[in-house]
């Protein structure tokens, strides 16, 4: 059986479940619609932004 999805050098094999308020979901959906990024990509960008601020 061939692998599914696009080949990548950074496979996403781990899952994390989070709880969000209705406001958080609305903000995430707004960001998704305005940018065209997936919700996962937006969450990863947020993690990267916080990480970069902490590393300074």
PDB file of N, CA and C in Angstrom:
ATOM      1  N   UNK A   1       0.843  -1.173   0.000  1.00  0.00           N
ATOM      2  CA  UNK A   1       0.000   0.000   0.000  1.00  0.00           C
ATOM      3  C   UNK A   1       0.892   1.241   0.000  1.00  0.00           C
ATOM      4  N   UNK A   2       0.609   2.197  -0.876  1.00  0.00           N
ATOM      5  CA  UNK A   2       1.422   3.409  -0.954  1.00  0.00           C
ATOM      6  C   UNK A   2       0.999   4.392   0.138  1.00  0.00           C
ATOM      7  N   UNK A   3       1.954   5.231   0.600  1.00  0.00           N
ATOM      8  CA  UNK A   3       1.606   6.206   1.628  1.00  0.00           C
ATOM      9  C   UNK A   3       0.637   7.258   1.096  1.00  0.00           C
ATOM     10  N   UNK A   4      -0.201   7.772   1.979  1.00  0.00           N
ATOM     11  CA  UNK A   4      -1.178   8.778   1.572  1.00  0.00           C
ATOM     12  C   UNK A   4      -0.634  10.167   1.837  1.00  0.00           C
ATOM     13  N   UNK A   5      -1.116  11.146   1.091  1.00  0.00           N
ATOM     14  CA  UNK A   5      -0.706  12.527   1.291  1.00  0.00           C
ATOM     15  C   UNK A   5       0.551  12.876   0.526  1.00  0.00           C
ATOM     16  N   UNK A   6       0.945  14.124   0.687  1.00  0.00           N
ATOM     17  CA  UNK A   6       2.132  14.616  -0.009  1.00  0.00           C
ATOM     18  C   UNK A   6       3.387  14.205   0.740  1.00  0.00           C
ATOM     19  N   UNK A   7       4.466  13.929   0.005  1.00  0.00           N
ATOM     20  CA  UNK A   7       5.738  13.652   0.682  1.00  0.00           C
ATOM     21  C   UNK A   7       6.209  14.909   1.415  1.00  0.00           C
ATOM     22  N   UNK A   8       6.829  14.716   2.566  1.00  0.00           N
ATOM     23  CA  UNK A   8       7.306  15.860   3.342  1.00  0.00           C
ATOM     24  C   UNK A   8       8.556  15.490   4.119  1.00  0.00           C
ATOM     25  N   UNK A   9       9.364  16.502   4.406  1.00  0.00           N
ATOM     26  CA  UNK A   9      10.535  16.295   5.248  1.00  0.00           C
ATOM     27  C   UNK A   9      10.202  16.490   6.721  1.00  0.00           C
ATOM     28  N   UNK A  10       8.969  16.909   7.010  1.00  0.00           N
ATOM     29  CA  UNK A  10       8.530  17.160   8.384  1.00  0.00           C
ATOM     30  C   UNK A  10       7.162  16.510   8.602  1.00  0.00           C
ATOM     31  N   UNK A  11       7.129  15.169   8.661  1.00  0.00           N
ATOM     32  CA  UNK A  11       5.834  14.501   8.791  1.00  0.00           C
ATOM     33  C   UNK A  11       5.146  14.839  10.113  1.00  0.00           C
ATOM     34  N   UNK A  12       3.846  14.976  10.053  1.00  0.00           N
ATOM     35  CA  UNK A  12       3.041  15.277  11.239  1.00  0.00           C
ATOM     36  C   UNK A  12       2.394  13.979  11.704  1.00  0.00           C
ATOM     37  N   UNK A  13       3.041  13.302  12.647  1.00  0.00           N
ATOM     38  CA  UNK A  13       2.566  11.987  13.069  1.00  0.00           C
ATOM     39  C   UNK A  13       1.947  12.003  14.462  1.00  0.00           C
ATOM     40  N   UNK A  14       2.081  13.102  15.192  1.00  0.00           N
ATOM     41  CA  UNK A  14       1.540  13.185  16.547  1.00  0.00           C
ATOM     42  C   UNK A  14       0.257  14.001  16.555  1.00  0.00           C
ATOM     43  N   UNK A  15      -0.662  13.624  17.420  1.00  0.00           N
ATOM     44  CA  UNK A  15      -1.928  14.334  17.568  1.00  0.00           C
ATOM     45  C   UNK A  15      -2.020  14.915  18.966  1.00  0.00           C
ATOM     46  N   UNK A  16      -2.616  16.108  19.064  1.00  0.00           N
ATOM     47  CA  UNK A  16      -2.898  16.735  20.343  1.00  0.00           C
ATOM     48  C   UNK A  16      -4.325  17.220  20.310  1.00  0.00           C
ATOM     49  N   UNK A  17      -5.014  16.990  21.384  1.00  0.00           N
ATOM     50  CA  UNK A  17      -6.401  17.432  21.477  1.00  0.00           C
ATOM     51  C   UNK A  17      -6.454  18.642  22.403  1.00  0.00           C
ATOM     52  N   UNK A  18      -7.144  19.710  21.963  1.00  0.00           N
ATOM     53  CA  UNK A  18      -7.260  20.903  22.783  1.00  0.00           C
ATOM     54  C   UNK A  18      -8.723  21.290  22.935  1.00  0.00           C
ATOM     55  N   UNK A  19      -8.994  22.008  24.008  1.00  0.00           N
ATOM     56  CA  UNK A  19     -10.344  22.515  24.237  1.00  0.00           C
ATOM     57  C   UNK A  19     -10.326  24.006  23.970  1.00  0.00           C
ATOM     58  N   UNK A  20     -11.312  24.487  23.216  1.00  0.00           N
ATOM     59  CA  UNK A  20     -11.399  25.899  22.862  1.00  0.00           C
ATOM     60  C   UNK A  20     -12.769  26.445  23.237  1.00  0.00           C
ATOM     61  N   UNK A  21     -12.784  27.713  23.593  1.00  0.00           N
ATOM     62  CA  UNK A  21     -14.065  28.378  23.824  1.00  0.00           C
ATOM     63  C   UNK A  21     -14.701  28.687  22.470  1.00  0.00           C
ATOM     64  N   UNK A  22     -15.966  29.073  22.499  1.00  0.00           N
ATOM     65  CA  UNK A  22     -16.639  29.439  21.252  1.00  0.00           C
ATOM     66  C   UNK A  22     -15.946  30.631  20.606  1.00  0.00           C
ATOM     67  N   UNK A  23     -15.487  31.591  21.429  1.00  0.00           N
ATOM     68  CA  UNK A  23     -14.782  32.756  20.889  1.00  0.00           C
ATOM     69  C   UNK A  23     -13.478  32.346  20.213  1.00  0.00           C
ATOM     70  N   UNK A  24     -12.743  31.422  20.823  1.00  0.00           N
ATOM     71  CA  UNK A  24     -11.495  30.949  20.220  1.00  0.00           C
ATOM     72  C   UNK A  24     -11.763  30.276  18.880  1.00  0.00           C
ATOM     73  N   UNK A  25     -12.813  29.483  18.811  1.00  0.00           N
ATOM     74  CA  UNK A  25     -13.162  28.798  17.559  1.00  0.00           C
ATOM     75  C   UNK A  25     -13.526  29.824  16.488  1.00  0.00           C
ATOM     76  N   UNK A  26     -14.263  30.853  16.870  1.00  0.00           N
ATOM     77  CA  UNK A  26     -14.632  31.898  15.909  1.00  0.00           C
ATOM     78  C   UNK A  26     -13.390  32.626  15.411  1.00  0.00           C
ATOM     79  N   UNK A  27     -12.458  32.923  16.315  1.00  0.00           N
ATOM     80  CA  UNK A  27     -11.216  33.597  15.907  1.00  0.00           C
ATOM     81  C   UNK A  27     -10.399  32.715  14.975  1.00  0.00           C
ATOM     82  N   UNK A  28     -10.315  31.441  15.297  1.00  0.00           N
ATOM     83  CA  UNK A  28      -9.567  30.501  14.464  1.00  0.00           C
ATOM     84  C   UNK A  28     -10.207  30.396  13.082  1.00  0.00           C
ATOM     85  N   UNK A  29     -11.518  30.310  13.027  1.00  0.00           N
ATOM     86  CA  UNK A  29     -12.233  30.231  11.748  1.00  0.00           C
ATOM     87  C   UNK A  29     -12.027  31.519  10.938  1.00  0.00           C
ATOM     88  N   UNK A  30     -12.054  32.658  11.599  1.00  0.00           N
ATOM     89  CA  UNK A  30     -11.818  33.946  10.930  1.00  0.00           C
ATOM     90  C   UNK A  30     -10.424  33.967  10.303  1.00  0.00           C
ATOM     91  N   UNK A  31      -9.426  33.573  11.087  1.00  0.00           N
ATOM     92  CA  UNK A  31      -8.047  33.531  10.575  1.00  0.00           C
ATOM     93  C   UNK A  31      -7.937  32.585   9.382  1.00  0.00           C
ATOM     94  N   UNK A  32      -8.602  31.443   9.480  1.00  0.00           N
ATOM     95  CA  UNK A  32      -8.598  30.460   8.399  1.00  0.00           C
ATOM     96  C   UNK A  32      -9.195  31.058   7.120  1.00  0.00           C
ATOM     97  N   UNK A  33     -10.325  31.714   7.253  1.00  0.00           N
ATOM     98  CA  UNK A  33     -10.992  32.281   6.082  1.00  0.00           C
ATOM     99  C   UNK A  33     -10.200  33.431   5.470  1.00  0.00           C
ATOM    100  N   UNK A  34      -9.599  34.265   6.298  1.00  0.00           N
ATOM    101  CA  UNK A  34      -8.862  35.431   5.803  1.00  0.00           C
ATOM    102  C   UNK A  34      -7.516  35.063   5.182  1.00  0.00           C
ATOM    103  N   UNK A  35      -6.853  34.022   5.727  1.00  0.00           N
ATOM    104  CA  UNK A  35      -5.507  33.687   5.246  1.00  0.00           C
ATOM    105  C   UNK A  35      -5.485  32.537   4.255  1.00  0.00           C
ATOM    106  N   UNK A  36      -6.466  31.646   4.350  1.00  0.00           N
ATOM    107  CA  UNK A  36      -6.446  30.446   3.511  1.00  0.00           C
ATOM    108  C   UNK A  36      -5.581  29.335   4.095  1.00  0.00           C
ATOM    109  N   UNK A  37      -4.921  29.611   5.229  1.00  0.00           N
ATOM    110  CA  UNK A  37      -4.151  28.569   5.894  1.00  0.00           C
ATOM    111  C   UNK A  37      -5.108  27.605   6.597  1.00  0.00           C
ATOM    112  N   UNK A  38      -4.664  26.374   6.766  1.00  0.00           N
ATOM    113  CA  UNK A  38      -5.484  25.429   7.526  1.00  0.00           C
ATOM    114  C   UNK A  38      -5.483  25.842   8.988  1.00  0.00           C
ATOM    115  N   UNK A  39      -6.436  25.358   9.718  1.00  0.00           N
ATOM    116  CA  UNK A  39      -6.498  25.660  11.152  1.00  0.00           C
ATOM    117  C   UNK A  39      -5.272  25.117  11.864  1.00  0.00           C
ATOM    118  N   UNK A  40      -4.798  23.960  11.440  1.00  0.00           N
ATOM    119  CA  UNK A  40      -3.580  23.391  12.029  1.00  0.00           C
ATOM    120  C   UNK A  40      -2.386  24.289  11.773  1.00  0.00           C
ATOM    121  N   UNK A  41      -2.280  24.826  10.552  1.00  0.00           N
ATOM    122  CA  UNK A  41      -1.164  25.719  10.232  1.00  0.00           C
ATOM    123  C   UNK A  41      -1.208  26.983  11.092  1.00  0.00           C
ATOM    124  N   UNK A  42      -2.399  27.522  11.291  1.00  0.00           N
ATOM    125  CA  UNK A  42      -2.551  28.727  12.106  1.00  0.00           C
ATOM    126  C   UNK A  42      -2.139  28.450  13.547  1.00  0.00           C
ATOM    127  N   UNK A  43      -2.545  27.310  14.081  1.00  0.00           N
ATOM    128  CA  UNK A  43      -2.162  26.944  15.442  1.00  0.00           C
ATOM    129  C   UNK A  43      -0.650  26.771  15.532  1.00  0.00           C
ATOM    130  N   UNK A  44      -0.044  26.121  14.533  1.00  0.00           N
ATOM    131  CA  UNK A  44       1.420  25.956  14.529  1.00  0.00           C
ATOM    132  C   UNK A  44       2.125  27.306  14.473  1.00  0.00           C
ATOM    133  N   UNK A  45       1.578  28.255  13.689  1.00  0.00           N
ATOM    134  CA  UNK A  45       2.170  29.595  13.625  1.00  0.00           C
ATOM    135  C   UNK A  45       2.107  30.273  14.993  1.00  0.00           C
ATOM    136  N   UNK A  46       1.006  30.096  15.687  1.00  0.00           N
ATOM    137  CA  UNK A  46       0.873  30.673  17.025  1.00  0.00           C
ATOM    138  C   UNK A  46       1.884  30.083  17.985  1.00  0.00           C
ATOM    139  N   UNK A  47       2.088  28.782  17.917  1.00  0.00           N
ATOM    140  CA  UNK A  47       3.083  28.122  18.763  1.00  0.00           C
ATOM    141  C   UNK A  47       4.467  28.664  18.443  1.00  0.00           C
ATOM    142  N   UNK A  48       4.784  28.797  17.158  1.00  0.00           N
ATOM    143  CA  UNK A  48       6.094  29.303  16.744  1.00  0.00           C
ATOM    144  C   UNK A  48       6.299  30.735  17.228  1.00  0.00           C
ATOM    145  N   UNK A  49       5.260  31.553  17.161  1.00  0.00           N
ATOM    146  CA  UNK A  49       5.360  32.948  17.603  1.00  0.00           C
ATOM    147  C   UNK A  49       5.655  33.033  19.097  1.00  0.00           C
ATOM    148  N   UNK A  50       4.948  32.273  19.899  1.00  0.00           N
ATOM    149  CA  UNK A  50       5.199  32.265  21.344  1.00  0.00           C
ATOM    150  C   UNK A  50       6.589  31.733  21.640  1.00  0.00           C
ATOM    151  N   UNK A  51       6.972  30.659  20.960  1.00  0.00           N
ATOM    152  CA  UNK A  51       8.307  30.058  21.153  1.00  0.00           C
ATOM    153  C   UNK A  51       9.405  31.077  20.853  1.00  0.00           C
ATOM    154  N   UNK A  52       9.260  31.800  19.718  1.00  0.00           N
ATOM    155  CA  UNK A  52      10.271  32.787  19.332  1.00  0.00           C
ATOM    156  C   UNK A  52      10.369  33.916  20.360  1.00  0.00           C
ATOM    157  N   UNK A  53       9.259  34.357  20.912  1.00  0.00           N
ATOM    158  CA  UNK A  53       9.277  35.406  21.935  1.00  0.00           C
ATOM    159  C   UNK A  53       9.978  34.920  23.194  1.00  0.00           C
ATOM    160  N   UNK A  54       9.768  33.665  23.558  1.00  0.00           N
ATOM    161  CA  UNK A  54      10.374  33.124  24.766  1.00  0.00           C
ATOM    162  C   UNK A  54      11.872  32.894  24.596  1.00  0.00           C
ATOM    163  N   UNK A  55      12.309  32.612  23.387  1.00  0.00           N
ATOM    164  CA  UNK A  55      13.720  32.324  23.134  1.00  0.00           C
ATOM    165  C   UNK A  55      14.581  33.589  23.091  1.00  0.00           C
ATOM    166  N   UNK A  56      13.958  34.779  23.034  1.00  0.00           N
ATOM    167  CA  UNK A  56      14.727  36.042  22.945  1.00  0.00           C
ATOM    168  C   UNK A  56      15.422  36.343  24.252  1.00  0.00           C
TER     169      UNK A  56
END
